[in-house]
């Protein structure tokens, strides 16, 4: 459903992914299999990050900035260490 859903459909799913810690410990390949290619990729010190656009019910997601599901990976283990939702 995530792969075919638009930004608005992804909002509630992103919240669920964050709340349940579904991705913690998964590899980049696991995350890409579940969520597809990220909208953004980044790197900082010991962490790589993916970001997926996901619109929550917060009005800022509509008018102020893009809201995203952010997934951080440890560079050594290549496993997810944290997941957050920016809204």
Foldseek 3Di string as FASTA:
>chain_A
DLQPDDQAVCAVVLVVCQVVVVQFFPAPVVCCVVRNAAPDWDDDDQKIKGWHFHDHPPCCCVPPDTKIWMWIAGNVVRGTHHIDIGD
